[in-house]
């Protein structure tokens, strides 16, 4: 038996779901987040680029992806910590306040100019994004008067940052990590958070 009232309810329910889905897509695009309401085709890039590469290399890349993600998050959090801490210490333009060593400023300016001259889109408007991981350690060390309240020990920061910089090598330069180095990376990331006061 065909019931027009139920049919309208089902149609209304379907349209409501569709509208909610479209609004969620708009939120995802506006805020660059993935809310997980739709299946994601994570293999799309693999279909585009991967067929040319050997399966063993693709598998190795997949195993290394998690370590890249962890280090990316760590490095970005360190940049944010430096930016926020120095902005509090030097309201205004902390980058040009004299707190950043001259050789670090010069190196970042050189990379910025190189990127501008390449005609490619700049990675960032923030000069700290043009520093190396090792230079982040230099910035923290040369501003110990403000970072000393955040970390338990200057020597511990130097040691952990040095270890992280060594562990970063295989990740940044597309080499596989041994199981021992994966364990060491996990422990060193834990050490980083442990040395915060």
Protein backbone atom coordinates (compact mmCIF):
# COMPACT_ATOMS: atom_id res chain seq x y z
CA UNK A 1 0.00 0.00 0.00
CA UNK A 2 1.42 3.38 -1.02
CA UNK A 3 1.26 6.00 1.75
CA UNK A 4 1.92 9.58 0.52
CA UNK A 5 2.55 10.85 4.07
CA UNK A 6 5.34 8.34 4.70
CA UNK A 7 6.80 8.96 1.26
CA UNK A 8 7.02 12.69 2.02
CA UNK A 9 8.68 11.95 5.37
CA UNK A 10 11.27 9.69 3.74
CA UNK A 11 11.95 12.27 1.03
CA UNK A 12 12.24 15.03 3.68
CA UNK A 13 14.59 12.86 5.74
CA UNK A 14 16.77 12.20 2.69
CA UNK A 15 16.94 15.89 1.79
CA UNK A 16 17.80 16.83 5.39
CA UNK A 17 20.66 14.34 5.34
CA UNK A 18 21.87 15.70 2.02
CA UNK A 19 21.75 19.31 3.28
CA UNK A 20 23.61 18.40 6.49
CA UNK A 21 26.24 16.60 4.41
CA UNK A 22 26.69 19.63 2.17
CA UNK A 23 27.00 21.94 5.19
CA UNK A 24 29.62 19.62 6.71
CA UNK A 25 31.57 19.74 3.44
CA UNK A 26 31.47 23.56 3.57
CA UNK A 27 32.77 23.53 7.16
CA UNK A 28 35.56 21.12 6.16
CA UNK A 29 36.62 23.38 3.30
CA UNK A 30 36.36 26.61 5.31
CA UNK A 31 38.38 25.31 8.26
CA UNK A 32 40.52 22.75 6.44
CA UNK A 33 39.45 19.90 8.69
CA UNK A 34 38.25 16.38 8.00
CA UNK A 35 35.12 15.59 9.99
CA UNK A 36 34.96 12.00 8.77
CA UNK A 37 31.40 12.00 7.56
CA UNK A 38 32.40 10.86 4.07
CA UNK A 39 34.80 8.12 3.03
CA UNK A 40 38.14 9.51 1.94
CA UNK A 41 39.91 8.14 -1.12
CA UNK A 42 43.38 7.99 0.38
CA UNK A 43 44.63 5.95 -2.55
CA UNK A 44 43.89 8.72 -5.08
CA UNK A 45 47.47 10.04 -5.04
CA UNK A 46 48.78 6.49 -5.25
CA UNK A 47 46.78 5.96 -8.42
CA UNK A 48 48.32 9.11 -9.87
CA UNK A 49 51.96 8.73 -8.87
CA UNK A 50 52.70 5.31 -7.48
CA UNK A 51 52.31 2.88 -10.38
CA UNK A 52 55.73 3.93 -11.72
CA UNK A 53 57.52 3.03 -8.47
CA UNK A 54 58.54 -0.39 -7.23
CA UNK A 55 56.22 -1.95 -4.68
CA UNK A 56 59.05 -2.29 -2.14
CA UNK A 57 59.73 1.45 -2.34
CA UNK A 58 56.01 2.24 -1.98
CA UNK A 59 55.79 -0.02 1.08
CA UNK A 60 58.86 1.62 2.62
CA UNK A 61 57.34 5.07 2.00
CA UNK A 62 54.13 3.98 3.67
CA UNK A 63 56.05 2.78 6.75
CA UNK A 64 58.01 6.06 6.92
CA UNK A 65 54.90 8.25 6.59
CA UNK A 66 53.98 7.86 10.27
CA UNK A 67 57.44 9.04 11.36
CA UNK A 68 57.26 12.03 9.03
CA UNK A 69 53.87 12.93 10.48
CA UNK A 70 55.15 12.69 14.06
CA UNK A 71 58.22 14.79 13.31
CA UNK A 72 56.18 17.33 11.35
CA UNK A 73 53.86 17.81 14.34
CA UNK A 74 56.80 18.06 16.75
CA UNK A 75 58.71 20.58 14.64
CA UNK A 76 55.61 22.73 14.10
CA UNK A 77 54.88 22.69 17.84
CA UNK A 78 58.45 23.81 18.57
CA UNK A 79 58.14 26.66 16.06
CA UNK A 80 54.85 27.68 17.69
CA UNK A 81 56.41 27.53 21.17
CA UNK A 82 59.29 29.76 20.04
CA UNK A 83 56.96 32.21 18.29
CA UNK A 84 54.56 32.54 21.21
CA UNK A 85 57.30 32.73 23.85
CA UNK A 86 59.31 35.38 22.03
CA UNK A 87 56.17 37.35 21.09
CA UNK A 88 55.34 37.53 24.81
CA UNK A 89 58.90 38.59 25.66
CA UNK A 90 59.17 41.10 22.79
CA UNK A 91 55.76 42.49 21.84
CA UNK A 92 55.82 43.76 18.29
CA UNK A 93 58.27 42.27 15.82
CA UNK A 94 60.19 39.78 17.94
CA UNK A 95 62.03 38.43 14.87
CA UNK A 96 63.75 41.82 14.37
CA UNK A 97 64.16 42.60 18.07
CA UNK A 98 67.73 41.30 18.27
CA UNK A 99 66.70 38.08 19.98
CA UNK A 100 67.34 35.97 16.87
CA UNK A 101 71.06 35.43 16.14
CA UNK A 102 72.20 37.39 13.08
CA UNK A 103 73.37 34.29 11.20
CA UNK A 104 69.93 32.68 11.64
CA UNK A 105 68.19 35.83 10.37
CA UNK A 106 70.56 36.04 7.40
CA UNK A 107 70.05 32.37 6.53
CA UNK A 108 66.24 32.72 6.68
CA UNK A 109 66.33 35.88 4.58
CA UNK A 110 68.44 34.08 1.98
CA UNK A 111 65.95 31.21 1.78
CA UNK A 112 63.03 33.63 1.53
CA UNK A 113 64.70 35.46 -1.34
CA UNK A 114 65.58 32.20 -3.07
CA UNK A 115 61.95 31.14 -2.87
CA UNK A 116 60.74 34.51 -4.19
CA UNK A 117 63.24 34.32 -7.07
CA UNK A 118 62.06 30.81 -7.97
CA UNK A 119 58.62 32.12 -8.90
CA UNK A 120 57.00 29.47 -6.71
CA UNK A 121 54.49 30.18 -3.98
CA UNK A 122 56.17 31.07 -0.69
CA UNK A 123 55.75 28.43 1.97
CA UNK A 124 55.02 31.04 4.62
CA UNK A 125 55.03 34.72 5.49
CA UNK A 126 56.63 33.90 8.84
CA UNK A 127 60.45 33.95 8.77
CA UNK A 128 60.71 31.26 11.47
CA UNK A 129 59.37 28.81 8.89
CA UNK A 130 62.61 29.34 6.95
CA UNK A 131 64.83 28.17 9.81
CA UNK A 132 66.30 24.70 10.04
CA UNK A 133 65.59 22.36 12.93
CA UNK A 134 69.11 22.95 14.23
CA UNK A 135 68.53 26.71 14.15
CA UNK A 136 65.45 26.28 16.33
CA UNK A 137 67.75 24.87 19.02
CA UNK A 138 70.07 27.87 18.58
CA UNK A 139 67.13 30.27 19.03
CA UNK A 140 66.02 28.54 22.23
CA UNK A 141 69.56 28.41 23.60
CA UNK A 142 70.32 32.06 22.83
CA UNK A 143 67.09 33.14 24.54
CA UNK A 144 67.45 31.04 27.65
CA UNK A 145 66.33 33.99 29.79
CA UNK A 146 62.76 33.35 28.57
CA UNK A 147 62.94 29.63 27.74
CA UNK A 148 64.54 28.73 31.08
CA UNK A 149 61.11 28.98 32.70
CA UNK A 150 59.65 26.48 30.20
CA UNK A 151 62.33 23.78 30.32
CA UNK A 152 63.89 21.95 33.25
CA UNK A 153 67.49 22.11 32.00
CA UNK A 154 69.41 23.92 29.28
CA UNK A 155 71.71 20.94 28.82
CA UNK A 156 68.72 18.61 28.47
CA UNK A 157 67.25 20.83 25.73
CA UNK A 158 70.57 20.80 23.86
CA UNK A 159 70.87 17.02 24.19
CA UNK A 160 67.28 16.24 23.15
CA UNK A 161 67.30 18.74 20.26
CA UNK A 162 70.61 17.29 19.03
CA UNK A 163 69.19 13.75 19.17
CA UNK A 164 66.03 14.84 17.37
CA UNK A 165 68.09 16.55 14.69
CA UNK A 166 70.05 13.33 14.10
CA UNK A 167 66.86 11.25 13.99
CA UNK A 168 65.33 13.74 11.58
CA UNK A 169 67.93 12.91 8.91
CA UNK A 170 66.43 9.69 7.55
CA UNK A 171 62.92 11.15 7.72
CA UNK A 172 63.83 14.34 5.87
CA UNK A 173 66.05 12.63 3.31
CA UNK A 174 63.82 9.70 2.33
CA UNK A 175 65.78 6.90 3.95
CA UNK A 176 64.25 4.05 5.95
CA UNK A 177 64.68 3.97 9.72
CA UNK A 178 65.81 0.86 11.53
CA UNK A 179 63.60 -0.52 14.29
CA UNK A 180 66.07 0.75 16.91
CA UNK A 181 65.92 4.26 15.48
CA UNK A 182 62.12 4.16 15.42
CA UNK A 183 62.20 3.24 19.13
CA UNK A 184 64.77 5.97 19.74
CA UNK A 185 62.56 8.54 17.96
CA UNK A 186 59.57 7.61 20.12
CA UNK A 187 61.64 7.87 23.30
CA UNK A 188 63.24 11.16 22.26
CA UNK A 189 59.87 12.72 21.49
CA UNK A 190 58.78 11.63 24.98
CA UNK A 191 62.00 13.17 26.36
CA UNK A 192 61.11 16.47 24.65
CA UNK A 193 57.82 16.69 26.51
CA UNK A 194 59.41 15.43 29.73
CA UNK A 195 61.96 18.27 29.85
CA UNK A 196 59.25 20.90 29.85
CA UNK A 197 58.84 22.34 33.34
